[in-house]
Amino acid sequence: SKKEEKEVVIDCSLINEKVSLKVMDKGIGIPDEDIPYILNRFYRVDKARSRKQGGLGLGLAIAKRWIEKYHGTINIESKEGEGTNVTAVWPLFNNSL
């Protein structure tokens, strides 16, 4: 059987003293109805997944909390069957540190 090729592209840029980190994949995508919830702790898109397949539904929730702690934002765009783009933006300089 032919192995499925997987590609993840990471783009980082500096725009107007803000860091923008974008992670893009060409995976299975996320259904529209799940997107509002995927940043919640313990939320899984595929309810049938078991712990054997990895993940507790915490990764994006932790990322969101960390990004917001540094006055940033996280945005997720996805289309089923096409892939997902996750973009995090935060200030380069943080006066509250």
PDB file of N, CA and C in Angstrom:
ATOM      1  N   SER A   1       0.837  -1.194   0.000  1.00  0.00           N
ATOM      2  CA  SER A   1       0.000   0.000   0.000  1.00  0.00           C
ATOM      3  C   SER A   1       0.872   1.245   0.000  1.00  0.00           C
ATOM      4  N   LYS A   2       0.439   2.224  -0.741  1.00  0.00           N
ATOM      5  CA  LYS A   2       1.192   3.479  -0.852  1.00  0.00           C
ATOM      6  C   LYS A   2       0.983   4.331   0.400  1.00  0.00           C
ATOM      7  N   LYS A   3       2.092   4.849   0.931  1.00  0.00           N
ATOM      8  CA  LYS A   3       1.979   5.701   2.104  1.00  0.00           C
ATOM      9  C   LYS A   3       1.370   7.033   1.714  1.00  0.00           C
ATOM     10  N   GLU A   4       0.492   7.513   2.586  1.00  0.00           N
ATOM     11  CA  GLU A   4      -0.144   8.808   2.345  1.00  0.00           C
ATOM     12  C   GLU A   4       0.845   9.918   2.695  1.00  0.00           C
ATOM     13  N   GLU A   5       1.088  10.814   1.740  1.00  0.00           N
ATOM     14  CA  GLU A   5       1.999  11.928   2.001  1.00  0.00           C
ATOM     15  C   GLU A   5       1.277  12.996   2.795  1.00  0.00           C
ATOM     16  N   LYS A   6       1.972  13.508   3.818  1.00  0.00           N
ATOM     17  CA  LYS A   6       1.394  14.555   4.638  1.00  0.00           C
ATOM     18  C   LYS A   6       2.347  15.732   4.631  1.00  0.00           C
ATOM     19  N   GLU A   7       1.796  16.914   4.441  1.00  0.00           N
ATOM     20  CA  GLU A   7       2.620  18.111   4.409  1.00  0.00           C
ATOM     21  C   GLU A   7       2.037  19.142   5.355  1.00  0.00           C
ATOM     22  N   VAL A   8       2.902  19.739   6.158  1.00  0.00           N
ATOM     23  CA  VAL A   8       2.526  20.842   7.028  1.00  0.00           C
ATOM     24  C   VAL A   8       3.458  21.994   6.697  1.00  0.00           C
ATOM     25  N   VAL A   9       2.889  23.163   6.452  1.00  0.00           N
ATOM     26  CA  VAL A   9       3.668  24.350   6.128  1.00  0.00           C
ATOM     27  C   VAL A   9       3.547  25.320   7.290  1.00  0.00           C
ATOM     28  N   ILE A  10       4.686  25.837   7.742  1.00  0.00           N
ATOM     29  CA  ILE A  10       4.711  26.810   8.828  1.00  0.00           C
ATOM     30  C   ILE A  10       5.286  28.105   8.284  1.00  0.00           C
ATOM     31  N   ASP A  11       4.556  29.194   8.481  1.00  0.00           N
ATOM     32  CA  ASP A  11       4.982  30.505   7.999  1.00  0.00           C
ATOM     33  C   ASP A  11       5.001  31.464   9.182  1.00  0.00           C
ATOM     34  N   CYS A  12       6.098  32.147   9.360  1.00  0.00           N
ATOM     35  CA  CYS A  12       6.214  33.120  10.441  1.00  0.00           C
ATOM     36  C   CYS A  12       6.625  34.447   9.837  1.00  0.00           C
ATOM     37  N   SER A  13       5.928  35.520  10.217  1.00  0.00           N
ATOM     38  CA  SER A  13       6.265  36.831   9.674  1.00  0.00           C
ATOM     39  C   SER A  13       6.078  37.897  10.748  1.00  0.00           C
ATOM     40  N   LEU A  14       6.663  39.056  10.494  1.00  0.00           N
ATOM     41  CA  LEU A  14       6.573  40.196  11.395  1.00  0.00           C
ATOM     42  C   LEU A  14       5.906  41.322  10.622  1.00  0.00           C
ATOM     43  N   ILE A  15       4.729  41.730  11.087  1.00  0.00           N
ATOM     44  CA  ILE A  15       3.968  42.771  10.419  1.00  0.00           C
ATOM     45  C   ILE A  15       3.520  43.787  11.461  1.00  0.00           C
ATOM     46  N   ASN A  16       3.915  45.058  11.273  1.00  0.00           N
ATOM     47  CA  ASN A  16       3.513  46.138  12.192  1.00  0.00           C
ATOM     48  C   ASN A  16       3.770  45.785  13.653  1.00  0.00           C
ATOM     49  N   GLU A  17       4.969  45.288  13.937  1.00  0.00           N
ATOM     50  CA  GLU A  17       5.390  44.912  15.295  1.00  0.00           C
ATOM     51  C   GLU A  17       4.512  43.821  15.908  1.00  0.00           C
ATOM     52  N   LYS A  18       3.926  43.007  15.038  1.00  0.00           N
ATOM     53  CA  LYS A  18       3.191  41.830  15.498  1.00  0.00           C
ATOM     54  C   LYS A  18       3.763  40.593  14.825  1.00  0.00           C
ATOM     55  N   VAL A  19       3.898  39.529  15.603  1.00  0.00           N
ATOM     56  CA  VAL A  19       4.371  38.252  15.085  1.00  0.00           C
ATOM     57  C   VAL A  19       3.154  37.462  14.606  1.00  0.00           C
ATOM     58  N   SER A  20       3.246  36.946  13.397  1.00  0.00           N
ATOM     59  CA  SER A  20       2.176  36.115  12.856  1.00  0.00           C
ATOM     60  C   SER A  20       2.756  34.735  12.564  1.00  0.00           C
ATOM     61  N   LEU A  21       2.185  33.725  13.194  1.00  0.00           N
ATOM     62  CA  LEU A  21       2.612  32.343  13.001  1.00  0.00           C
ATOM     63  C   LEU A  21       1.438  31.581  12.407  1.00  0.00           C
ATOM     64  N   LYS A  22       1.649  31.037  11.202  1.00  0.00           N
ATOM     65  CA  LYS A  22       0.574  30.324  10.509  1.00  0.00           C
ATOM     66  C   LYS A  22       1.013  28.890  10.258  1.00  0.00           C
ATOM     67  N   VAL A  23       0.164  27.947  10.632  1.00  0.00           N
ATOM     68  CA  VAL A  23       0.416  26.526  10.403  1.00  0.00           C
ATOM     69  C   VAL A  23      -0.684  26.023   9.483  1.00  0.00           C
ATOM     70  N   MET A  24      -0.270  25.469   8.327  1.00  0.00           N
ATOM     71  CA  MET A  24      -1.234  25.032   7.313  1.00  0.00           C
ATOM     72  C   MET A  24      -1.010  23.557   6.987  1.00  0.00           C
ATOM     73  N   ASP A  25      -2.086  22.799   6.923  1.00  0.00           N
ATOM     74  CA  ASP A  25      -1.951  21.411   6.503  1.00  0.00           C
ATOM     75  C   ASP A  25      -2.945  21.103   5.394  1.00  0.00           C
ATOM     76  N   LYS A  26      -2.738  19.989   4.742  1.00  0.00           N
ATOM     77  CA  LYS A  26      -3.624  19.524   3.677  1.00  0.00           C
ATOM     78  C   LYS A  26      -4.318  18.247   4.138  1.00  0.00           C
ATOM     79  N   GLY A  27      -4.732  18.241   5.403  1.00  0.00           N
ATOM     80  CA  GLY A  27      -5.329  17.055   5.993  1.00  0.00           C
ATOM     81  C   GLY A  27      -6.813  16.931   5.709  1.00  0.00           C
ATOM     82  N   ILE A  28      -7.490  16.232   6.600  1.00  0.00           N
ATOM     83  CA  ILE A  28      -8.909  15.921   6.386  1.00  0.00           C
ATOM     84  C   ILE A  28      -9.815  17.111   6.666  1.00  0.00           C
ATOM     85  N   GLY A  29      -9.292  18.135   7.325  1.00  0.00           N
ATOM     86  CA  GLY A  29     -10.097  19.307   7.621  1.00  0.00           C
ATOM     87  C   GLY A  29     -11.007  19.097   8.815  1.00  0.00           C
ATOM     88  N   ILE A  30     -11.726  20.157   9.159  1.00  0.00           N
ATOM     89  CA  ILE A  30     -12.615  20.152  10.322  1.00  0.00           C
ATOM     90  C   ILE A  30     -14.005  20.568   9.851  1.00  0.00           C
ATOM     91  N   PRO A  31     -15.042  19.827  10.233  1.00  0.00           N
ATOM     92  CA  PRO A  31     -16.403  20.220   9.843  1.00  0.00           C
ATOM     93  C   PRO A  31     -16.754  21.607  10.391  1.00  0.00           C
ATOM     94  N   ASP A  32     -17.496  22.383   9.609  1.00  0.00           N
ATOM     95  CA  ASP A  32     -17.886  23.739  10.007  1.00  0.00           C
ATOM     96  C   ASP A  32     -18.524  23.783  11.390  1.00  0.00           C
ATOM     97  N   GLU A  33     -19.364  22.786  11.689  1.00  0.00           N
ATOM     98  CA  GLU A  33     -20.085  22.824  12.966  1.00  0.00           C
ATOM     99  C   GLU A  33     -19.166  22.612  14.170  1.00  0.00           C
ATOM    100  N   ASP A  34     -17.971  22.072  13.956  1.00  0.00           N
ATOM    101  CA  ASP A  34     -17.035  21.830  15.061  1.00  0.00           C
ATOM    102  C   ASP A  34     -16.091  23.010  15.318  1.00  0.00           C
ATOM    103  N   ILE A  35     -15.874  23.848  14.322  1.00  0.00           N
ATOM    104  CA  ILE A  35     -14.874  24.915  14.452  1.00  0.00           C
ATOM    105  C   ILE A  35     -15.100  25.815  15.668  1.00  0.00           C
ATOM    106  N   PRO A  36     -16.348  26.206  16.004  1.00  0.00           N
ATOM    107  CA  PRO A  36     -16.505  27.071  17.177  1.00  0.00           C
ATOM    108  C   PRO A  36     -16.079  26.428  18.498  1.00  0.00           C
ATOM    109  N   TYR A  37     -15.924  25.116  18.525  1.00  0.00           N
ATOM    110  CA  TYR A  37     -15.664  24.410  19.780  1.00  0.00           C
ATOM    111  C   TYR A  37     -14.251  23.848  19.915  1.00  0.00           C
ATOM    112  N   ILE A  38     -13.468  23.841  18.852  1.00  0.00           N
ATOM    113  CA  ILE A  38     -12.196  23.110  18.900  1.00  0.00           C
ATOM    114  C   ILE A  38     -11.152  23.745  19.809  1.00  0.00           C
ATOM    115  N   LEU A  39     -11.361  24.998  20.229  1.00  0.00           N
ATOM    116  CA  LEU A  39     -10.427  25.616  21.180  1.00  0.00           C
ATOM    117  C   LEU A  39     -10.824  25.329  22.627  1.00  0.00           C
ATOM    118  N   ASN A  40     -11.949  24.638  22.822  1.00  0.00           N
ATOM    119  CA  ASN A  40     -12.392  24.274  24.173  1.00  0.00           C
ATOM    120  C   ASN A  40     -11.609  23.062  24.679  1.00  0.00           C
ATOM    121  N   ARG A  41     -11.365  23.043  25.978  1.00  0.00           N
ATOM    122  CA  ARG A  41     -10.656  21.899  26.561  1.00  0.00           C
ATOM    123  C   ARG A  41     -11.462  20.618  26.377  1.00  0.00           C
ATOM    124  N   PHE A  42     -10.756  19.541  26.069  1.00  0.00           N
ATOM    125  CA  PHE A  42     -11.291  18.177  25.960  1.00  0.00           C
ATOM    126  C   PHE A  42     -12.222  17.962  24.771  1.00  0.00           C
ATOM    127  N   TYR A  43     -12.369  18.961  23.893  1.00  0.00           N
ATOM    128  CA  TYR A  43     -13.252  18.781  22.732  1.00  0.00           C
ATOM    129  C   TYR A  43     -12.531  17.982  21.653  1.00  0.00           C
ATOM    130  N   ARG A  44     -13.206  16.991  21.130  1.00  0.00           N
ATOM    131  CA  ARG A  44     -12.672  16.190  20.031  1.00  0.00           C
ATOM    132  C   ARG A  44     -13.634  16.243  18.868  1.00  0.00           C
ATOM    133  N   VAL A  45     -13.089  16.482  17.690  1.00  0.00           N
ATOM    134  CA  VAL A  45     -13.929  16.496  16.495  1.00  0.00           C
ATOM    135  C   VAL A  45     -14.457  15.098  16.232  1.00  0.00           C
ATOM    136  N   ASP A  46     -13.556  14.111  16.279  1.00  0.00           N
ATOM    137  CA  ASP A  46     -13.940  12.720  16.027  1.00  0.00           C
ATOM    138  C   ASP A  46     -14.224  12.044  17.356  1.00  0.00           C
ATOM    139  N   LYS A  47     -15.498  11.908  17.678  1.00  0.00           N
ATOM    140  CA  LYS A  47     -15.888  11.345  18.977  1.00  0.00           C
ATOM    141  C   LYS A  47     -15.485   9.874  19.115  1.00  0.00           C
ATOM    142  N   ALA A  48     -15.177   9.228  17.993  1.00  0.00           N
ATOM    143  CA  ALA A  48     -14.832   7.800  18.028  1.00  0.00           C
ATOM    144  C   ALA A  48     -13.355   7.572  18.352  1.00  0.00           C
ATOM    145  N   ARG A  49     -12.548   8.645  18.380  1.00  0.00           N
ATOM    146  CA  ARG A  49     -11.117   8.455  18.638  1.00  0.00           C
ATOM    147  C   ARG A  49     -10.879   7.966  20.056  1.00  0.00           C
ATOM    148  N   SER A  50      -9.920   7.089  20.185  1.00  0.00           N
ATOM    149  CA  SER A  50      -9.573   6.592  21.514  1.00  0.00           C
ATOM    150  C   SER A  50      -8.222   7.171  21.905  1.00  0.00           C
ATOM    151  N   ARG A  51      -7.823   6.960  23.145  1.00  0.00           N
ATOM    152  CA  ARG A  51      -6.526   7.456  23.609  1.00  0.00           C
ATOM    153  C   ARG A  51      -5.384   6.813  22.846  1.00  0.00           C
ATOM    154  N   LYS A  52      -5.611   5.630  22.264  1.00  0.00           N
ATOM    155  CA  LYS A  52      -4.555   4.981  21.480  1.00  0.00           C
ATOM    156  C   LYS A  52      -4.126   5.847  20.312  1.00  0.00           C
ATOM    157  N   GLN A  53      -5.071   6.602  19.760  1.00  0.00           N
ATOM    158  CA  GLN A  53      -4.748   7.456  18.625  1.00  0.00           C
ATOM    159  C   GLN A  53      -4.156   8.787  19.068  1.00  0.00           C
ATOM    160  N   GLY A  54      -4.077   9.003  20.348  1.00  0.00           N
ATOM    161  CA  GLY A  54      -3.395  10.178  20.870  1.00  0.00           C
ATOM    162  C   GLY A  54      -4.300  11.363  21.098  1.00  0.00           C
ATOM    163  N   GLY A  55      -3.865  12.178  22.044  1.00  0.00           N
ATOM    164  CA  GLY A  55      -4.550  13.444  22.285  1.00  0.00           C
ATOM    165  C   GLY A  55      -5.679  13.347  23.275  1.00  0.00           C
ATOM    166  N   LEU A  56      -5.788  14.418  24.056  1.00  0.00           N
ATOM    167  CA  LEU A  56      -6.864  14.514  25.034  1.00  0.00           C
ATOM    168  C   LEU A  56      -7.785  15.682  24.717  1.00  0.00           C
ATOM    169  N   GLY A  57      -7.529  16.356  23.611  1.00  0.00           N
ATOM    170  CA  GLY A  57      -8.320  17.532  23.294  1.00  0.00           C
ATOM    171  C   GLY A  57      -7.866  18.750  24.074  1.00  0.00           C
ATOM    172  N   LEU A  58      -6.585  18.779  24.428  1.00  0.00           N
ATOM    173  CA  LEU A  58      -6.053  19.904  25.214  1.00  0.00           C
ATOM    174  C   LEU A  58      -5.113  20.805  24.425  1.00  0.00           C
ATOM    175  N   GLY A  59      -4.537  20.310  23.349  1.00  0.00           N
ATOM    176  CA  GLY A  59      -3.490  21.048  22.638  1.00  0.00           C
ATOM    177  C   GLY A  59      -3.891  22.443  22.208  1.00  0.00           C
ATOM    178  N   LEU A  60      -5.018  22.564  21.499  1.00  0.00           N
ATOM    179  CA  LEU A  60      -5.449  23.883  21.026  1.00  0.00           C
ATOM    180  C   LEU A  60      -5.911  24.769  22.180  1.00  0.00           C
ATOM    181  N   ALA A  61      -6.511  24.183  23.206  1.00  0.00           N
ATOM    182  CA  ALA A  61      -6.941  24.966  24.373  1.00  0.00           C
ATOM    183  C   ALA A  61      -5.732  25.569  25.087  1.00  0.00           C
ATOM    184  N   ILE A  62      -4.664  24.790  25.215  1.00  0.00           N
ATOM    185  CA  ILE A  62      -3.435  25.296  25.845  1.00  0.00           C
ATOM    186  C   ILE A  62      -2.809  26.385  24.974  1.00  0.00           C
ATOM    187  N   ALA A  63      -2.775  26.160  23.661  1.00  0.00           N
ATOM    188  CA  ALA A  63      -2.221  27.163  22.740  1.00  0.00           C
ATOM    189  C   ALA A  63      -2.994  28.469  22.846  1.00  0.00           C
ATOM    190  N   LYS A  64      -4.324  28.385  22.872  1.00  0.00           N
ATOM    191  CA  LYS A  64      -5.161  29.580  22.966  1.00  0.00           C
ATOM    192  C   LYS A  64      -4.864  30.340  24.258  1.00  0.00           C
ATOM    193  N   ARG A  65      -4.770  29.623  25.352  1.00  0.00           N
ATOM    194  CA  ARG A  65      -4.509  30.273  26.649  1.00  0.00           C
ATOM    195  C   ARG A  65      -3.144  30.958  26.648  1.00  0.00           C
ATOM    196  N   TRP A  66      -2.138  30.285  26.114  1.00  0.00           N
ATOM    197  CA  TRP A  66      -0.792  30.850  26.063  1.00  0.00           C
ATOM    198  C   TRP A  66      -0.759  32.096  25.183  1.00  0.00           C
ATOM    199  N   ILE A  67      -1.379  32.017  24.011  1.00  0.00           N
ATOM    200  CA  ILE A  67      -1.388  33.152  23.081  1.00  0.00           C
ATOM    201  C   ILE A  67      -2.119  34.344  23.694  1.00  0.00           C
ATOM    202  N   GLU A  68      -3.265  34.099  24.322  1.00  0.00           N
ATOM    203  CA  GLU A  68      -4.017  35.192  24.927  1.00  0.00           C
ATOM    204  C   GLU A  68      -3.290  35.800  26.121  1.00  0.00           C
ATOM    205  N   LYS A  69      -2.504  34.989  26.821  1.00  0.00           N
ATOM    206  CA  LYS A  69      -1.713  35.510  27.943  1.00  0.00           C
ATOM    207  C   LYS A  69      -0.756  36.601  27.458  1.00  0.00           C
ATOM    208  N   TYR A  70      -0.282  36.463  26.240  1.00  0.00           N
ATOM    209  CA  TYR A  70       0.635  37.438  25.649  1.00  0.00           C
ATOM    210  C   TYR A  70      -0.094  38.384  24.695  1.00  0.00           C
ATOM    211  N   HIS A  71      -1.388  38.595  24.960  1.00  0.00           N
ATOM    212  CA  HIS A  71      -2.216  39.587  24.253  1.00  0.00           C
ATOM    213  C   HIS A  71      -2.332  39.301  22.756  1.00  0.00           C
ATOM    214  N   GLY A  72      -2.424  38.028  22.438  1.00  0.00           N
ATOM    215  CA  GLY A  72      -2.548  37.645  21.042  1.00  0.00           C
ATOM    216  C   GLY A  72      -3.902  37.055  20.724  1.00  0.00           C
ATOM    217  N   THR A  73      -4.035  36.640  19.473  1.00  0.00           N
ATOM    218  CA  THR A  73      -5.271  36.006  19.013  1.00  0.00           C
ATOM    219  C   THR A  73      -4.934  34.746  18.230  1.00  0.00           C
ATOM    220  N   ILE A  74      -5.878  33.838  18.187  1.00  0.00           N
ATOM    221  CA  ILE A  74      -5.716  32.614  17.393  1.00  0.00           C
ATOM    222  C   ILE A  74      -6.970  32.459  16.532  1.00  0.00           C
ATOM    223  N   ASN A  75      -6.760  32.109  15.278  1.00  0.00           N
ATOM    224  CA  ASN A  75      -7.870  31.960  14.339  1.00  0.00           C
ATOM    225  C   ASN A  75      -7.694  30.648  13.569  1.00  0.00           C
ATOM    226  N   ILE A  76      -8.800  29.943  13.370  1.00  0.00           N
ATOM    227  CA  ILE A  76      -8.749  28.661  12.671  1.00  0.00           C
ATOM    228  C   ILE A  76      -9.715  28.680  11.496  1.00  0.00           C
ATOM    229  N   GLU A  77      -9.177  28.336  10.321  1.00  0.00           N
ATOM    230  CA  GLU A  77      -9.993  28.211   9.116  1.00  0.00           C
ATOM    231  C   GLU A  77      -9.786  26.793   8.588  1.00  0.00           C
ATOM    232  N   SER A  78     -10.870  26.154   8.187  1.00  0.00           N
ATOM    233  CA  SER A  78     -10.742  24.781   7.719  1.00  0.00           C
ATOM    234  C   SER A  78     -11.856  24.438   6.747  1.00  0.00           C
ATOM    235  N   LYS A  79     -11.510  23.533   5.817  1.00  0.00           N
ATOM    236  CA  LYS A  79     -12.506  22.973   4.906  1.00  0.00           C
ATOM    237  C   LYS A  79     -12.319  21.464   4.909  1.00  0.00           C
ATOM    238  N   GLU A  80     -13.413  20.754   5.092  1.00  0.00           N
ATOM    239  CA  GLU A  80     -13.343  19.295   5.086  1.00  0.00           C
ATOM    240  C   GLU A  80     -12.781  18.808   3.760  1.00  0.00           C
ATOM    241  N   GLY A  81     -11.838  17.885   3.867  1.00  0.00           N
ATOM    242  CA  GLY A  81     -11.233  17.297   2.689  1.00  0.00           C
ATOM    243  C   GLY A  81     -10.142  18.147   2.057  1.00  0.00           C
ATOM    244  N   GLU A  82      -9.925  19.356   2.563  1.00  0.00           N
ATOM    245  CA  GLU A  82      -8.914  20.236   1.976  1.00  0.00           C
ATOM    246  C   GLU A  82      -7.792  20.599   2.930  1.00  0.00           C
ATOM    247  N   GLY A  83      -8.118  20.781   4.209  1.00  0.00           N
ATOM    248  CA  GLY A  83      -7.069  21.111   5.160  1.00  0.00           C
ATOM    249  C   GLY A  83      -7.474  22.206   6.131  1.00  0.00           C
ATOM    250  N   THR A  84      -6.507  22.566   6.973  1.00  0.00           N
ATOM    251  CA  THR A  84      -6.742  23.508   8.064  1.00  0.00           C
ATOM    252  C   THR A  84      -5.607  24.517   8.138  1.00  0.00           C
ATOM    253  N   ASN A  85      -5.970  25.773   8.404  1.00  0.00           N
ATOM    254  CA  ASN A  85      -4.997  26.833   8.660  1.00  0.00           C
ATOM    255  C   ASN A  85      -5.239  27.377  10.056  1.00  0.00           C
ATOM    256  N   VAL A  86      -4.193  27.397  10.863  1.00  0.00           N
ATOM    257  CA  VAL A  86      -4.254  27.984  12.199  1.00  0.00           C
ATOM    258  C   VAL A  86      -3.305  29.170  12.206  1.00  0.00           C
ATOM    259  N   THR A  87      -3.826  30.349  12.554  1.00  0.00           N
ATOM    260  CA  THR A  87      -3.015  31.558  12.575  1.00  0.00           C
ATOM    261  C   THR A  87      -3.028  32.157  13.977  1.00  0.00           C
ATOM    262  N   ALA A  88      -1.851  32.372  14.524  1.00  0.00           N
ATOM    263  CA  ALA A  88      -1.701  33.029  15.827  1.00  0.00           C
ATOM    264  C   ALA A  88      -0.952  34.334  15.606  1.00  0.00           C
ATOM    265  N   VAL A  89      -1.447  35.403  16.212  1.00  0.00           N
ATOM    266  CA  VAL A  89      -0.823  36.721  16.083  1.00  0.00           C
ATOM    267  C   VAL A  89      -0.699  37.317  17.474  1.00  0.00           C
ATOM    268  N   TRP A  90       0.495  37.830  17.785  1.00  0.00           N
ATOM    269  CA  TRP A  90       0.673  38.513  19.065  1.00  0.00           C
ATOM    270  C   TRP A  90       1.715  39.614  18.926  1.00  0.00           C
ATOM    271  N   PRO A  91       1.663  40.625  19.841  1.00  0.00           N
ATOM    272  CA  PRO A  91       2.606  41.743  19.756  1.00  0.00           C
ATOM    273  C   PRO A  91       4.040  41.279  19.973  1.00  0.00           C
ATOM    274  N   LEU A  92       4.957  41.850  19.192  1.00  0.00           N
ATOM    275  CA  LEU A  92       6.369  41.540  19.366  1.00  0.00           C
ATOM    276  C   LEU A  92       6.868  42.027  20.707  1.00  0.00           C
ATOM    277  N   PHE A  93       6.426  43.206  21.082  1.00  0.00           N
ATOM    278  CA  PHE A  93       6.824  43.793  22.379  1.00  0.00           C
ATOM    279  C   PHE A  93       5.626  43.797  23.297  1.00  0.00           C
ATOM    280  N   ASN A  94       5.835  43.398  24.542  1.00  0.00           N
ATOM    281  CA  ASN A  94       4.751  43.344  25.517  1.00  0.00           C
ATOM    282  C   ASN A  94       5.166  44.138  26.736  1.00  0.00           C
ATOM    283  N   ASN A  95       4.575  45.288  26.944  1.00  0.00           N
ATOM    284  CA  ASN A  95       4.939  46.156  28.055  1.00  0.00           C
ATOM    285  C   ASN A  95       4.530  45.625  29.420  1.00  0.00           C
ATOM    286  N   SER A  96       3.659  44.631  29.454  1.00  0.00           N
ATOM    287  CA  SER A  96       3.182  44.120  30.739  1.00  0.00           C
ATOM    288  C   SER A  96       4.052  43.011  31.310  1.00  0.00           C
ATOM    289  N   LEU A  97       5.109  42.600  30.585  1.00  0.00           N
ATOM    290  CA  LEU A  97       5.984  41.523  31.084  1.00  0.00           C
ATOM    291  C   LEU A  97       6.949  42.046  32.120  1.00  0.00           C
TER     292      LEU A  97
END
